Amino acid sequence: MLQKQLQEEHKALDKKFKFITDLQALMTKYDQSTEDLLAILSSASATPVSKRGRKPGIKKSTAKVSASSALKKPRKKAAPRPLRTFKHPKSGEVTETRAPQVDKVIKAWAKELKVDWRTLEV
């Protein structure tokens, strides 16, 4: 059990050591010091990252389309909302709509009767 834990720690240390040696090789190749690397990393973390849309400074015409986005299937069209029927209790008038929460007639009825629009559904 202890030997297994030591082996896992050894693997983790090997990965860290490999990363550090690769990083040092790159720094030597591009003639960069540790201070330069820290400055680059701190300036990169200081710039805000947008969660949506393009990165600032990239024009739409120059942005390249990645291979994965070019292979994506088109998005399926959402199923239409069901047609719902509502009836005015006093006048008996009936109306059908797919979006009752924004329908002007149903809103007017609910306001006139001082009830929630959901209670008017047949």
PDB file of N, CA and C in Angstrom:
ATOM      1  N   MET A   1       0.825  -1.187   0.000  1.00  0.00           N
ATOM      2  CA  MET A   1       0.000   0.000   0.000  1.00  0.00           C
ATOM      3  C   MET A   1       0.874   1.256   0.000  1.00  0.00           C
ATOM      4  N   LEU A   2       1.852   1.294   0.860  1.00  0.00           N
ATOM      5  CA  LEU A   2       2.765   2.432   0.923  1.00  0.00           C
ATOM      6  C   LEU A   2       3.598   2.507  -0.357  1.00  0.00           C
ATOM      7  N   GLN A   3       3.947   1.329  -0.869  1.00  0.00           N
ATOM      8  CA  GLN A   3       4.752   1.284  -2.098  1.00  0.00           C
ATOM      9  C   GLN A   3       3.943   1.853  -3.275  1.00  0.00           C
ATOM     10  N   LYS A   4       2.654   1.543  -3.326  1.00  0.00           N
ATOM     11  CA  LYS A   4       1.794   2.050  -4.397  1.00  0.00           C
ATOM     12  C   LYS A   4       1.699   3.577  -4.319  1.00  0.00           C
ATOM     13  N   GLN A   5       1.554   4.116  -3.107  1.00  0.00           N
ATOM     14  CA  GLN A   5       1.481   5.564  -2.914  1.00  0.00           C
ATOM     15  C   GLN A   5       2.791   6.223  -3.339  1.00  0.00           C
ATOM     16  N   LEU A   6       3.913   5.596  -2.991  1.00  0.00           N
ATOM     17  CA  LEU A   6       5.214   6.135  -3.387  1.00  0.00           C
ATOM     18  C   LEU A   6       5.389   6.122  -4.902  1.00  0.00           C
ATOM     19  N   GLN A   7       4.901   5.075  -5.552  1.00  0.00           N
ATOM     20  CA  GLN A   7       5.003   5.003  -7.013  1.00  0.00           C
ATOM     21  C   GLN A   7       4.190   6.124  -7.667  1.00  0.00           C
ATOM     22  N   GLU A   8       2.994   6.406  -7.133  1.00  0.00           N
ATOM     23  CA  GLU A   8       2.159   7.487  -7.679  1.00  0.00           C
ATOM     24  C   GLU A   8       2.840   8.838  -7.490  1.00  0.00           C
ATOM     25  N   GLU A   9       3.425   9.052  -6.316  1.00  0.00           N
ATOM     26  CA  GLU A   9       4.145  10.298  -6.064  1.00  0.00           C
ATOM     27  C   GLU A   9       5.361  10.422  -6.982  1.00  0.00           C
ATOM     28  N   HIS A  10       6.020   9.305  -7.234  1.00  0.00           N
ATOM     29  CA  HIS A  10       7.181   9.303  -8.124  1.00  0.00           C
ATOM     30  C   HIS A  10       6.770   9.686  -9.551  1.00  0.00           C
ATOM     31  N   LYS A  11       5.627   9.147 -10.005  1.00  0.00           N
ATOM     32  CA  LYS A  11       5.132   9.489 -11.344  1.00  0.00           C
ATOM     33  C   LYS A  11       4.816  10.979 -11.436  1.00  0.00           C
ATOM     34  N   ALA A  12       4.178  11.510 -10.401  1.00  0.00           N
ATOM     35  CA  ALA A  12       3.835  12.936 -10.390  1.00  0.00           C
ATOM     36  C   ALA A  12       5.093  13.791 -10.415  1.00  0.00           C
ATOM     37  N   LEU A  13       6.094  13.412  -9.640  1.00  0.00           N
ATOM     38  CA  LEU A  13       7.356  14.155  -9.631  1.00  0.00           C
ATOM     39  C   LEU A  13       8.058  14.070 -10.980  1.00  0.00           C
ATOM     40  N   ASP A  14       7.985  12.906 -11.619  1.00  0.00           N
ATOM     41  CA  ASP A  14       8.588  12.752 -12.952  1.00  0.00           C
ATOM     42  C   ASP A  14       7.927  13.706 -13.951  1.00  0.00           C
ATOM     43  N   LYS A  15       6.591  13.820 -13.888  1.00  0.00           N
ATOM     44  CA  LYS A  15       5.886  14.724 -14.797  1.00  0.00           C
ATOM     45  C   LYS A  15       6.312  16.170 -14.562  1.00  0.00           C
ATOM     46  N   LYS A  16       6.403  16.556 -13.282  1.00  0.00           N
ATOM     47  CA  LYS A  16       6.822  17.924 -12.956  1.00  0.00           C
ATOM     48  C   LYS A  16       8.243  18.182 -13.442  1.00  0.00           C
ATOM     49  N   PHE A  17       9.127  17.212 -13.230  1.00  0.00           N
ATOM     50  CA  PHE A  17      10.520  17.365 -13.648  1.00  0.00           C
ATOM     51  C   PHE A  17      10.614  17.495 -15.163  1.00  0.00           C
ATOM     52  N   LYS A  18       9.854  16.678 -15.897  1.00  0.00           N
ATOM     53  CA  LYS A  18       9.862  16.740 -17.357  1.00  0.00           C
ATOM     54  C   LYS A  18       9.353  18.104 -17.826  1.00  0.00           C
ATOM     55  N   PHE A  19       8.290  18.605 -17.197  1.00  0.00           N
ATOM     56  CA  PHE A  19       7.754  19.914 -17.564  1.00  0.00           C
ATOM     57  C   PHE A  19       8.789  21.010 -17.331  1.00  0.00           C
ATOM     58  N   ILE A  20       9.449  20.961 -16.174  1.00  0.00           N
ATOM     59  CA  ILE A  20      10.449  21.991 -15.850  1.00  0.00           C
ATOM     60  C   ILE A  20      11.620  21.938 -16.819  1.00  0.00           C
ATOM     61  N   THR A  21      12.087  20.748 -17.148  1.00  0.00           N
ATOM     62  CA  THR A  21      13.218  20.649 -18.085  1.00  0.00           C
ATOM     63  C   THR A  21      12.813  21.125 -19.477  1.00  0.00           C
ATOM     64  N   ASP A  22      11.605  20.794 -19.922  1.00  0.00           N
ATOM     65  CA  ASP A  22      11.133  21.270 -21.228  1.00  0.00           C
ATOM     66  C   ASP A  22      11.000  22.794 -21.235  1.00  0.00           C
ATOM     67  N   LEU A  23      10.483  23.345 -20.140  1.00  0.00           N
ATOM     68  CA  LEU A  23      10.337  24.787 -20.028  1.00  0.00           C
ATOM     69  C   LEU A  23      11.698  25.485 -20.040  1.00  0.00           C
ATOM     70  N   GLN A  24      12.663  24.921 -19.322  1.00  0.00           N
ATOM     71  CA  GLN A  24      14.011  25.506 -19.307  1.00  0.00           C
ATOM     72  C   GLN A  24      14.648  25.427 -20.690  1.00  0.00           C
ATOM     73  N   ALA A  25      14.414  24.330 -21.414  1.00  0.00           N
ATOM     74  CA  ALA A  25      14.956  24.202 -22.769  1.00  0.00           C
ATOM     75  C   ALA A  25      14.370  25.279 -23.687  1.00  0.00           C
ATOM     76  N   LEU A  26      13.060  25.522 -23.570  1.00  0.00           N
ATOM     77  CA  LEU A  26      12.427  26.568 -24.381  1.00  0.00           C
ATOM     78  C   LEU A  26      12.958  27.950 -24.019  1.00  0.00           C
ATOM     79  N   MET A  27      13.138  28.185 -22.728  1.00  0.00           N
ATOM     80  CA  MET A  27      13.659  29.482 -22.295  1.00  0.00           C
ATOM     81  C   MET A  27      15.065  29.700 -22.836  1.00  0.00           C
ATOM     82  N   THR A  28      15.874  28.642 -22.842  1.00  0.00           N
ATOM     83  CA  THR A  28      17.231  28.748 -23.379  1.00  0.00           C
ATOM     84  C   THR A  28      17.180  28.980 -24.887  1.00  0.00           C
ATOM     85  N   LYS A  29      16.310  28.252 -25.573  1.00  0.00           N
ATOM     86  CA  LYS A  29      16.200  28.362 -27.033  1.00  0.00           C
ATOM     87  C   LYS A  29      15.826  29.783 -27.450  1.00  0.00           C
ATOM     88  N   TYR A  30      14.899  30.425 -26.715  1.00  0.00           N
ATOM     89  CA  TYR A  30      14.435  31.759 -27.071  1.00  0.00           C
ATOM     90  C   TYR A  30      15.106  32.862 -26.252  1.00  0.00           C
ATOM     91  N   ASP A  31      16.158  32.509 -25.541  1.00  0.00           N
ATOM     92  CA  ASP A  31      16.974  33.454 -24.788  1.00  0.00           C
ATOM     93  C   ASP A  31      16.110  34.292 -23.833  1.00  0.00           C
ATOM     94  N   GLN A  32      15.339  33.620 -23.001  1.00  0.00           N
ATOM     95  CA  GLN A  32      14.463  34.274 -22.029  1.00  0.00           C
ATOM     96  C   GLN A  32      14.899  33.882 -20.618  1.00  0.00           C
ATOM     97  N   SER A  33      14.790  34.829 -19.683  1.00  0.00           N
ATOM     98  CA  SER A  33      15.139  34.540 -18.295  1.00  0.00           C
ATOM     99  C   SER A  33      13.876  34.199 -17.513  1.00  0.00           C
ATOM    100  N   THR A  34      14.060  33.783 -16.276  1.00  0.00           N
ATOM    101  CA  THR A  34      12.922  33.466 -15.414  1.00  0.00           C
ATOM    102  C   THR A  34      12.073  34.711 -15.169  1.00  0.00           C
ATOM    103  N   GLU A  35      12.738  35.858 -15.006  1.00  0.00           N
ATOM    104  CA  GLU A  35      12.009  37.103 -14.797  1.00  0.00           C
ATOM    105  C   GLU A  35      11.150  37.454 -16.013  1.00  0.00           C
ATOM    106  N   ASP A  36      11.700  37.227 -17.225  1.00  0.00           N
ATOM    107  CA  ASP A  36      10.945  37.484 -18.449  1.00  0.00           C
ATOM    108  C   ASP A  36       9.690  36.593 -18.501  1.00  0.00           C
ATOM    109  N   LEU A  37       9.877  35.328 -18.133  1.00  0.00           N
ATOM    110  CA  LEU A  37       8.762  34.393 -18.139  1.00  0.00           C
ATOM    111  C   LEU A  37       7.685  34.818 -17.139  1.00  0.00           C
ATOM    112  N   LEU A  38       8.101  35.218 -15.953  1.00  0.00           N
ATOM    113  CA  LEU A  38       7.143  35.678 -14.949  1.00  0.00           C
ATOM    114  C   LEU A  38       6.406  36.933 -15.414  1.00  0.00           C
ATOM    115  N   ALA A  39       7.117  37.838 -16.083  1.00  0.00           N
ATOM    116  CA  ALA A  39       6.481  39.048 -16.598  1.00  0.00           C
ATOM    117  C   ALA A  39       5.441  38.696 -17.660  1.00  0.00           C
ATOM    118  N   ILE A  40       5.774  37.754 -18.522  1.00  0.00           N
ATOM    119  CA  ILE A  40       4.842  37.330 -19.575  1.00  0.00           C
ATOM    120  C   ILE A  40       3.603  36.699 -18.953  1.00  0.00           C
ATOM    121  N   LEU A  41       3.812  35.819 -17.986  1.00  0.00           N
ATOM    122  CA  LEU A  41       2.684  35.138 -17.361  1.00  0.00           C
ATOM    123  C   LEU A  41       1.811  36.091 -16.551  1.00  0.00           C
ATOM    124  N   SER A  42       2.428  37.044 -15.867  1.00  0.00           N
ATOM    125  CA  SER A  42       1.631  37.983 -15.071  1.00  0.00           C
ATOM    126  C   SER A  42       0.850  38.940 -15.966  1.00  0.00           C
ATOM    127  N   SER A  43       1.416  39.337 -17.105  1.00  0.00           N
ATOM    128  CA  SER A  43       0.683  40.225 -18.008  1.00  0.00           C
ATOM    129  C   SER A  43      -0.441  39.469 -18.705  1.00  0.00           C
ATOM    130  N   ALA A  44      -0.255  38.182 -18.956  1.00  0.00           N
ATOM    131  CA  ALA A  44      -1.302  37.391 -19.597  1.00  0.00           C
ATOM    132  C   ALA A  44      -2.468  37.179 -18.649  1.00  0.00           C
ATOM    133  N   SER A  45      -2.195  37.026 -17.357  1.00  0.00           N
ATOM    134  CA  SER A  45      -3.278  36.806 -16.403  1.00  0.00           C
ATOM    135  C   SER A  45      -3.992  38.109 -16.055  1.00  0.00           C
ATOM    136  N   ALA A  46      -3.367  39.251 -16.300  1.00  0.00           N
ATOM    137  CA  ALA A  46      -3.981  40.542 -15.977  1.00  0.00           C
ATOM    138  C   ALA A  46      -5.003  40.960 -17.021  1.00  0.00           C
ATOM    139  N   THR A  47      -4.889  40.470 -18.259  1.00  0.00           N
ATOM    140  CA  THR A  47      -5.832  40.854 -19.300  1.00  0.00           C
ATOM    141  C   THR A  47      -7.111  40.053 -19.125  1.00  0.00           C
ATOM    142  N   PRO A  48      -8.264  40.724 -19.171  1.00  0.00           N
ATOM    143  CA  PRO A  48      -9.521  40.004 -18.988  1.00  0.00           C
ATOM    144  C   PRO A  48      -9.810  39.110 -20.184  1.00  0.00           C
ATOM    145  N   VAL A  49     -10.402  37.961 -19.910  1.00  0.00           N
ATOM    146  CA  VAL A  49     -10.741  37.010 -20.958  1.00  0.00           C
ATOM    147  C   VAL A  49     -12.248  37.077 -21.182  1.00  0.00           C
ATOM    148  N   SER A  50     -12.643  37.332 -22.421  1.00  0.00           N
ATOM    149  CA  SER A  50     -14.055  37.402 -22.754  1.00  0.00           C
ATOM    150  C   SER A  50     -14.618  35.997 -22.827  1.00  0.00           C
ATOM    151  N   LYS A  51     -15.810  35.793 -22.275  1.00  0.00           N
ATOM    152  CA  LYS A  51     -16.408  34.474 -22.291  1.00  0.00           C
ATOM    153  C   LYS A  51     -17.159  34.220 -23.587  1.00  0.00           C
ATOM    154  N   ARG A  52     -17.525  35.284 -24.280  1.00  0.00           N
ATOM    155  CA  ARG A  52     -18.299  35.116 -25.505  1.00  0.00           C
ATOM    156  C   ARG A  52     -17.658  35.903 -26.645  1.00  0.00           C
ATOM    157  N   GLY A  53     -17.926  35.456 -27.834  1.00  0.00           N
ATOM    158  CA  GLY A  53     -17.519  36.217 -29.004  1.00  0.00           C
ATOM    159  C   GLY A  53     -16.041  36.094 -29.335  1.00  0.00           C
ATOM    160  N   ARG A  54     -15.620  36.960 -30.242  1.00  0.00           N
ATOM    161  CA  ARG A  54     -14.230  36.953 -30.690  1.00  0.00           C
ATOM    162  C   ARG A  54     -13.343  37.591 -29.649  1.00  0.00           C
ATOM    163  N   LYS A  55     -12.053  37.286 -29.766  1.00  0.00           N
ATOM    164  CA  LYS A  55     -11.076  37.943 -28.916  1.00  0.00           C
ATOM    165  C   LYS A  55     -10.910  39.370 -29.397  1.00  0.00           C
ATOM    166  N   PRO A  56     -10.679  40.311 -28.483  1.00  0.00           N
ATOM    167  CA  PRO A  56     -10.516  41.698 -28.919  1.00  0.00           C
ATOM    168  C   PRO A  56      -9.319  41.852 -29.850  1.00  0.00           C
ATOM    169  N   GLY A  57      -9.481  42.645 -30.884  1.00  0.00           N
ATOM    170  CA  GLY A  57      -8.385  42.902 -31.807  1.00  0.00           C
ATOM    171  C   GLY A  57      -8.370  41.992 -33.023  1.00  0.00           C
ATOM    172  N   ILE A  58      -9.194  40.954 -33.033  1.00  0.00           N
ATOM    173  CA  ILE A  58      -9.221  40.054 -34.182  1.00  0.00           C
ATOM    174  C   ILE A  58     -10.402  40.436 -35.053  1.00  0.00           C
ATOM    175  N   LYS A  59     -10.105  40.738 -36.316  1.00  0.00           N
ATOM    176  CA  LYS A  59     -11.170  41.094 -37.236  1.00  0.00           C
ATOM    177  C   LYS A  59     -11.837  39.829 -37.731  1.00  0.00           C
ATOM    178  N   LYS A  60     -13.109  39.938 -38.049  1.00  0.00           N
ATOM    179  CA  LYS A  60     -13.875  38.785 -38.472  1.00  0.00           C
ATOM    180  C   LYS A  60     -13.323  38.171 -39.755  1.00  0.00           C
ATOM    181  N   SER A  61     -12.880  38.994 -40.677  1.00  0.00           N
ATOM    182  CA  SER A  61     -12.405  38.491 -41.962  1.00  0.00           C
ATOM    183  C   SER A  61     -11.077  37.742 -41.828  1.00  0.00           C
ATOM    184  N   THR A  62     -10.269  38.095 -40.827  1.00  0.00           N
ATOM    185  CA  THR A  62      -8.980  37.432 -40.681  1.00  0.00           C
ATOM    186  C   THR A  62      -9.027  36.236 -39.751  1.00  0.00           C
ATOM    187  N   ALA A  63     -10.127  36.047 -39.027  1.00  0.00           N
ATOM    188  CA  ALA A  63     -10.231  34.925 -38.104  1.00  0.00           C
ATOM    189  C   ALA A  63     -10.333  33.629 -38.902  1.00  0.00           C
ATOM    190  N   LYS A  64      -9.516  32.662 -38.536  1.00  0.00           N
ATOM    191  CA  LYS A  64      -9.518  31.382 -39.234  1.00  0.00           C
ATOM    192  C   LYS A  64     -10.582  30.471 -38.650  1.00  0.00           C
ATOM    193  N   VAL A  65     -11.159  29.630 -39.482  1.00  0.00           N
ATOM    194  CA  VAL A  65     -12.146  28.661 -39.039  1.00  0.00           C
ATOM    195  C   VAL A  65     -11.385  27.406 -38.650  1.00  0.00           C
ATOM    196  N   SER A  66     -11.613  26.936 -37.424  1.00  0.00           N
ATOM    197  CA  SER A  66     -10.908  25.737 -36.981  1.00  0.00           C
ATOM    198  C   SER A  66     -11.505  24.514 -37.649  1.00  0.00           C
ATOM    199  N   ALA A  67     -10.713  23.452 -37.703  1.00  0.00           N
ATOM    200  CA  ALA A  67     -11.145  22.228 -38.361  1.00  0.00           C
ATOM    201  C   ALA A  67     -12.325  21.603 -37.631  1.00  0.00           C
ATOM    202  N   SER A  68     -12.342  21.691 -36.307  1.00  0.00           N
ATOM    203  CA  SER A  68     -13.431  21.067 -35.553  1.00  0.00           C
ATOM    204  C   SER A  68     -14.749  21.803 -35.769  1.00  0.00           C
ATOM    205  N   SER A  69     -14.696  23.135 -35.875  1.00  0.00           N
ATOM    206  CA  SER A  69     -15.940  23.868 -36.078  1.00  0.00           C
ATOM    207  C   SER A  69     -16.460  23.692 -37.506  1.00  0.00           C
ATOM    208  N   ALA A  70     -15.581  23.439 -38.463  1.00  0.00           N
ATOM    209  CA  ALA A  70     -16.008  23.244 -39.841  1.00  0.00           C
ATOM    210  C   ALA A  70     -16.709  21.896 -40.002  1.00  0.00           C
ATOM    211  N   LEU A  71     -16.390  20.925 -39.127  1.00  0.00           N
ATOM    212  CA  LEU A  71     -16.961  19.592 -39.230  1.00  0.00           C
ATOM    213  C   LEU A  71     -18.235  19.425 -38.409  1.00  0.00           C
ATOM    214  N   LYS A  72     -18.613  20.424 -37.638  1.00  0.00           N
ATOM    215  CA  LYS A  72     -19.800  20.314 -36.794  1.00  0.00           C
ATOM    216  C   LYS A  72     -21.055  20.244 -37.643  1.00  0.00           C
ATOM    217  N   LYS A  73     -22.002  19.446 -37.156  1.00  0.00           N
ATOM    218  CA  LYS A  73     -23.276  19.331 -37.851  1.00  0.00           C
ATOM    219  C   LYS A  73     -24.118  20.560 -37.537  1.00  0.00           C
ATOM    220  N   PRO A  74     -24.987  20.959 -38.446  1.00  0.00           N
ATOM    221  CA  PRO A  74     -25.845  22.106 -38.161  1.00  0.00           C
ATOM    222  C   PRO A  74     -26.780  21.791 -36.997  1.00  0.00           C
ATOM    223  N   ARG A  75     -27.096  22.817 -36.227  1.00  0.00           N
ATOM    224  CA  ARG A  75     -27.943  22.645 -35.054  1.00  0.00           C
ATOM    225  C   ARG A  75     -29.365  22.304 -35.488  1.00  0.00           C
ATOM    226  N   LYS A  76     -29.977  21.356 -34.776  1.00  0.00           N
ATOM    227  CA  LYS A  76     -31.345  20.979 -35.094  1.00  0.00           C
ATOM    228  C   LYS A  76     -32.288  22.094 -34.670  1.00  0.00           C
ATOM    229  N   LYS A  77     -33.324  22.270 -35.447  1.00  0.00           N
ATOM    230  CA  LYS A  77     -34.318  23.298 -35.156  1.00  0.00           C
ATOM    231  C   LYS A  77     -35.167  22.823 -33.976  1.00  0.00           C
ATOM    232  N   ALA A  78     -35.431  23.722 -33.042  1.00  0.00           N
ATOM    233  CA  ALA A  78     -36.222  23.381 -31.867  1.00  0.00           C
ATOM    234  C   ALA A  78     -37.654  23.066 -32.272  1.00  0.00           C
ATOM    235  N   ALA A  79     -38.256  22.155 -31.540  1.00  0.00           N
ATOM    236  CA  ALA A  79     -39.645  21.803 -31.810  1.00  0.00           C
ATOM    237  C   ALA A  79     -40.531  23.002 -31.499  1.00  0.00           C
ATOM    238  N   PRO A  80     -41.570  23.228 -32.310  1.00  0.00           N
ATOM    239  CA  PRO A  80     -42.440  24.380 -32.056  1.00  0.00           C
ATOM    240  C   PRO A  80     -43.202  24.193 -30.741  1.00  0.00           C
ATOM    241  N   ARG A  81     -43.498  25.316 -30.099  1.00  0.00           N
ATOM    242  CA  ARG A  81     -44.266  25.246 -28.859  1.00  0.00           C
ATOM    243  C   ARG A  81     -45.669  24.737 -29.174  1.00  0.00           C
ATOM    244  N   PRO A  82     -46.261  24.034 -28.223  1.00  0.00           N
ATOM    245  CA  PRO A  82     -47.613  23.530 -28.475  1.00  0.00           C
ATOM    246  C   PRO A  82     -48.632  24.671 -28.493  1.00  0.00           C
ATOM    247  N   LEU A  83     -49.651  24.491 -29.290  1.00  0.00           N
ATOM    248  CA  LEU A  83     -50.722  25.476 -29.387  1.00  0.00           C
ATOM    249  C   LEU A  83     -51.638  25.310 -28.174  1.00  0.00           C
ATOM    250  N   ARG A  84     -51.836  26.380 -27.422  1.00  0.00           N
ATOM    251  CA  ARG A  84     -52.634  26.329 -26.201  1.00  0.00           C
ATOM    252  C   ARG A  84     -53.894  27.188 -26.373  1.00  0.00           C
ATOM    253  N   THR A  85     -54.983  26.740 -25.755  1.00  0.00           N
ATOM    254  CA  THR A  85     -56.268  27.416 -25.876  1.00  0.00           C
ATOM    255  C   THR A  85     -56.627  28.075 -24.551  1.00  0.00           C
ATOM    256  N   PHE A  86     -57.127  29.320 -24.634  1.00  0.00           N
ATOM    257  CA  PHE A  86     -57.533  30.084 -23.452  1.00  0.00           C
ATOM    258  C   PHE A  86     -58.941  30.619 -23.673  1.00  0.00           C
ATOM    259  N   LYS A  87     -59.709  30.693 -22.571  1.00  0.00           N
ATOM    260  CA  LYS A  87     -61.096  31.143 -22.669  1.00  0.00           C
ATOM    261  C   LYS A  87     -61.360  32.208 -21.612  1.00  0.00           C
ATOM    262  N   HIS A  88     -62.010  33.299 -22.044  1.00  0.00           N
ATOM    263  CA  HIS A  88     -62.417  34.360 -21.120  1.00  0.00           C
ATOM    264  C   HIS A  88     -63.659  33.850 -20.390  1.00  0.00           C
ATOM    265  N   PRO A  89     -63.620  33.745 -19.045  1.00  0.00           N
ATOM    266  CA  PRO A  89     -64.738  33.135 -18.322  1.00  0.00           C
ATOM    267  C   PRO A  89     -66.057  33.898 -18.405  1.00  0.00           C
ATOM    268  N   LYS A  90     -66.018  35.223 -18.529  1.00  0.00           N
ATOM    269  CA  LYS A  90     -67.258  36.015 -18.552  1.00  0.00           C
ATOM    270  C   LYS A  90     -67.854  36.116 -19.955  1.00  0.00           C
ATOM    271  N   SER A  91     -67.004  36.445 -20.949  1.00  0.00           N
ATOM    272  CA  SER A  91     -67.523  36.654 -22.301  1.00  0.00           C
ATOM    273  C   SER A  91     -67.565  35.358 -23.105  1.00  0.00           C
ATOM    274  N   GLY A  92     -66.797  34.340 -22.691  1.00  0.00           N
ATOM    275  CA  GLY A  92     -66.778  33.082 -23.431  1.00  0.00           C
ATOM    276  C   GLY A  92     -65.876  33.126 -24.652  1.00  0.00           C
ATOM    277  N   GLU A  93     -65.174  34.232 -24.868  1.00  0.00           N
ATOM    278  CA  GLU A  93     -64.279  34.385 -26.011  1.00  0.00           C
ATOM    279  C   GLU A  93     -63.106  33.409 -25.872  1.00  0.00           C
ATOM    280  N   VAL A  94     -62.701  32.796 -26.986  1.00  0.00           N
ATOM    281  CA  VAL A  94     -61.626  31.805 -26.985  1.00  0.00           C
ATOM    282  C   VAL A  94     -60.499  32.293 -27.891  1.00  0.00           C
ATOM    283  N   THR A  95     -59.274  32.072 -27.450  1.00  0.00           N
ATOM    284  CA  THR A  95     -58.115  32.415 -28.269  1.00  0.00           C
ATOM    285  C   THR A  95     -57.073  31.310 -28.145  1.00  0.00           C
ATOM    286  N   GLU A  96     -56.294  31.140 -29.202  1.00  0.00           N
ATOM    287  CA  GLU A  96     -55.216  30.142 -29.211  1.00  0.00           C
ATOM    288  C   GLU A  96     -53.892  30.860 -29.406  1.00  0.00           C
ATOM    289  N   THR A  97     -52.867  30.367 -28.717  1.00  0.00           N
ATOM    290  CA  THR A  97     -51.546  30.984 -28.833  1.00  0.00           C
ATOM    291  C   THR A  97     -50.469  29.965 -28.492  1.00  0.00           C
ATOM    292  N   ARG A  98     -49.263  30.234 -28.978  1.00  0.00           N
ATOM    293  CA  ARG A  98     -48.110  29.389 -28.655  1.00  0.00           C
ATOM    294  C   ARG A  98     -47.259  29.998 -27.544  1.00  0.00           C
ATOM    295  N   ALA A  99     -47.448  31.280 -27.278  1.00  0.00           N
ATOM    296  CA  ALA A  99     -46.674  31.974 -26.241  1.00  0.00           C
ATOM    297  C   ALA A  99     -47.621  32.808 -25.385  1.00  0.00           C
ATOM    298  N   PRO A 100     -48.343  32.182 -24.473  1.00  0.00           N
ATOM    299  CA  PRO A 100     -49.356  32.917 -23.705  1.00  0.00           C
ATOM    300  C   PRO A 100     -48.789  33.972 -22.769  1.00  0.00           C
ATOM    301  N   GLN A 101     -47.557  33.791 -22.306  1.00  0.00           N
ATOM    302  CA  GLN A 101     -46.994  34.758 -21.363  1.00  0.00           C
ATOM    303  C   GLN A 101     -46.737  36.112 -22.009  1.00  0.00           C
ATOM    304  N   VAL A 102     -46.710  36.187 -23.346  1.00  0.00           N
ATOM    305  CA  VAL A 102     -46.491  37.460 -24.027  1.00  0.00           C
ATOM    306  C   VAL A 102     -47.686  37.879 -24.894  1.00  0.00           C
ATOM    307  N   ASP A 103     -48.730  37.079 -24.907  1.00  0.00           N
ATOM    308  CA  ASP A 103     -49.899  37.380 -25.727  1.00  0.00           C
ATOM    309  C   ASP A 103     -50.666  38.561 -25.138  1.00  0.00           C
ATOM    310  N   LYS A 104     -50.927  39.588 -25.944  1.00  0.00           N
ATOM    311  CA  LYS A 104     -51.569  40.813 -25.462  1.00  0.00           C
ATOM    312  C   LYS A 104     -53.011  40.572 -25.013  1.00  0.00           C
ATOM    313  N   VAL A 105     -53.732  39.731 -25.732  1.00  0.00           N
ATOM    314  CA  VAL A 105     -55.135  39.470 -25.404  1.00  0.00           C
ATOM    315  C   VAL A 105     -55.230  38.780 -24.046  1.00  0.00           C
ATOM    316  N   ILE A 106     -54.410  37.762 -23.855  1.00  0.00           N
ATOM    317  CA  ILE A 106     -54.447  37.008 -22.601  1.00  0.00           C
ATOM    318  C   ILE A 106     -53.985  37.879 -21.435  1.00  0.00           C
ATOM    319  N   LYS A 107     -52.987  38.707 -21.672  1.00  0.00           N
ATOM    320  CA  LYS A 107     -52.534  39.632 -20.623  1.00  0.00           C
ATOM    321  C   LYS A 107     -53.652  40.600 -20.238  1.00  0.00           C
ATOM    322  N   ALA A 108     -54.378  41.097 -21.231  1.00  0.00           N
ATOM    323  CA  ALA A 108     -55.471  42.035 -20.961  1.00  0.00           C
ATOM    324  C   ALA A 108     -56.582  41.355 -20.165  1.00  0.00           C
ATOM    325  N   TRP A 109     -56.931  40.118 -20.542  1.00  0.00           N
ATOM    326  CA  TRP A 109     -57.948  39.376 -19.806  1.00  0.00           C
ATOM    327  C   TRP A 109     -57.526  39.180 -18.354  1.00  0.00           C
ATOM    328  N   ALA A 110     -56.281  38.768 -18.146  1.00  0.00           N
ATOM    329  CA  ALA A 110     -55.793  38.499 -16.794  1.00  0.00           C
ATOM    330  C   ALA A 110     -55.802  39.782 -15.958  1.00  0.00           C
ATOM    331  N   LYS A 111     -55.450  40.890 -16.576  1.00  0.00           N
ATOM    332  CA  LYS A 111     -55.440  42.169 -15.858  1.00  0.00           C
ATOM    333  C   LYS A 111     -56.873  42.598 -15.518  1.00  0.00           C
ATOM    334  N   GLU A 112     -57.771  42.413 -16.480  1.00  0.00           N
ATOM    335  CA  GLU A 112     -59.177  42.780 -16.276  1.00  0.00           C
ATOM    336  C   GLU A 112     -59.805  41.954 -15.154  1.00  0.00           C
ATOM    337  N   LEU A 113     -59.522  40.649 -15.126  1.00  0.00           N
ATOM    338  CA  LEU A 113     -60.124  39.752 -14.135  1.00  0.00           C
ATOM    339  C   LEU A 113     -59.317  39.670 -12.840  1.00  0.00           C
ATOM    340  N   LYS A 114     -58.110  40.272 -12.855  1.00  0.00           N
ATOM    341  CA  LYS A 114     -57.193  40.250 -11.705  1.00  0.00           C
ATOM    342  C   LYS A 114     -56.863  38.825 -11.276  1.00  0.00           C
ATOM    343  N   VAL A 115     -56.506  38.021 -12.294  1.00  0.00           N
ATOM    344  CA  VAL A 115     -56.090  36.631 -12.061  1.00  0.00           C
ATOM    345  C   VAL A 115     -54.806  36.370 -12.829  1.00  0.00           C
ATOM    346  N   ASP A 116     -54.183  35.248 -12.519  1.00  0.00           N
ATOM    347  CA  ASP A 116     -52.988  34.827 -13.262  1.00  0.00           C
ATOM    348  C   ASP A 116     -53.437  34.275 -14.615  1.00  0.00           C
ATOM    349  N   TRP A 117     -52.672  34.544 -15.667  1.00  0.00           N
ATOM    350  CA  TRP A 117     -53.055  34.117 -17.008  1.00  0.00           C
ATOM    351  C   TRP A 117     -53.146  32.603 -17.121  1.00  0.00           C
ATOM    352  N   ARG A 118     -52.451  31.866 -16.251  1.00  0.00           N
ATOM    353  CA  ARG A 118     -52.460  30.394 -16.310  1.00  0.00           C
ATOM    354  C   ARG A 118     -53.848  29.822 -15.965  1.00  0.00           C
ATOM    355  N   THR A 119     -54.597  30.583 -15.178  1.00  0.00           N
ATOM    356  CA  THR A 119     -55.936  30.098 -14.776  1.00  0.00           C
ATOM    357  C   THR A 119     -56.948  30.183 -15.905  1.00  0.00           C
ATOM    358  N   LEU A 120     -56.621  30.890 -16.968  1.00  0.00           N
ATOM    359  CA  LEU A 120     -57.551  31.061 -18.089  1.00  0.00           C
ATOM    360  C   LEU A 120     -57.448  29.940 -19.110  1.00  0.00           C
ATOM    361  N   GLU A 121     -56.501  29.032 -18.936  1.00  0.00           N
ATOM    362  CA  GLU A 121     -56.306  27.968 -19.933  1.00  0.00           C
ATOM    363  C   GLU A 121     -57.428  26.949 -19.855  1.00  0.00           C
ATOM    364  N   VAL A 122     -57.877  26.503 -21.030  1.00  0.00           N
ATOM    365  CA  VAL A 122     -58.969  25.513 -21.108  1.00  0.00           C
ATOM    366  C   VAL A 122     -58.372  24.130 -21.020  1.00  0.00           C
TER     367      VAL A 122
END
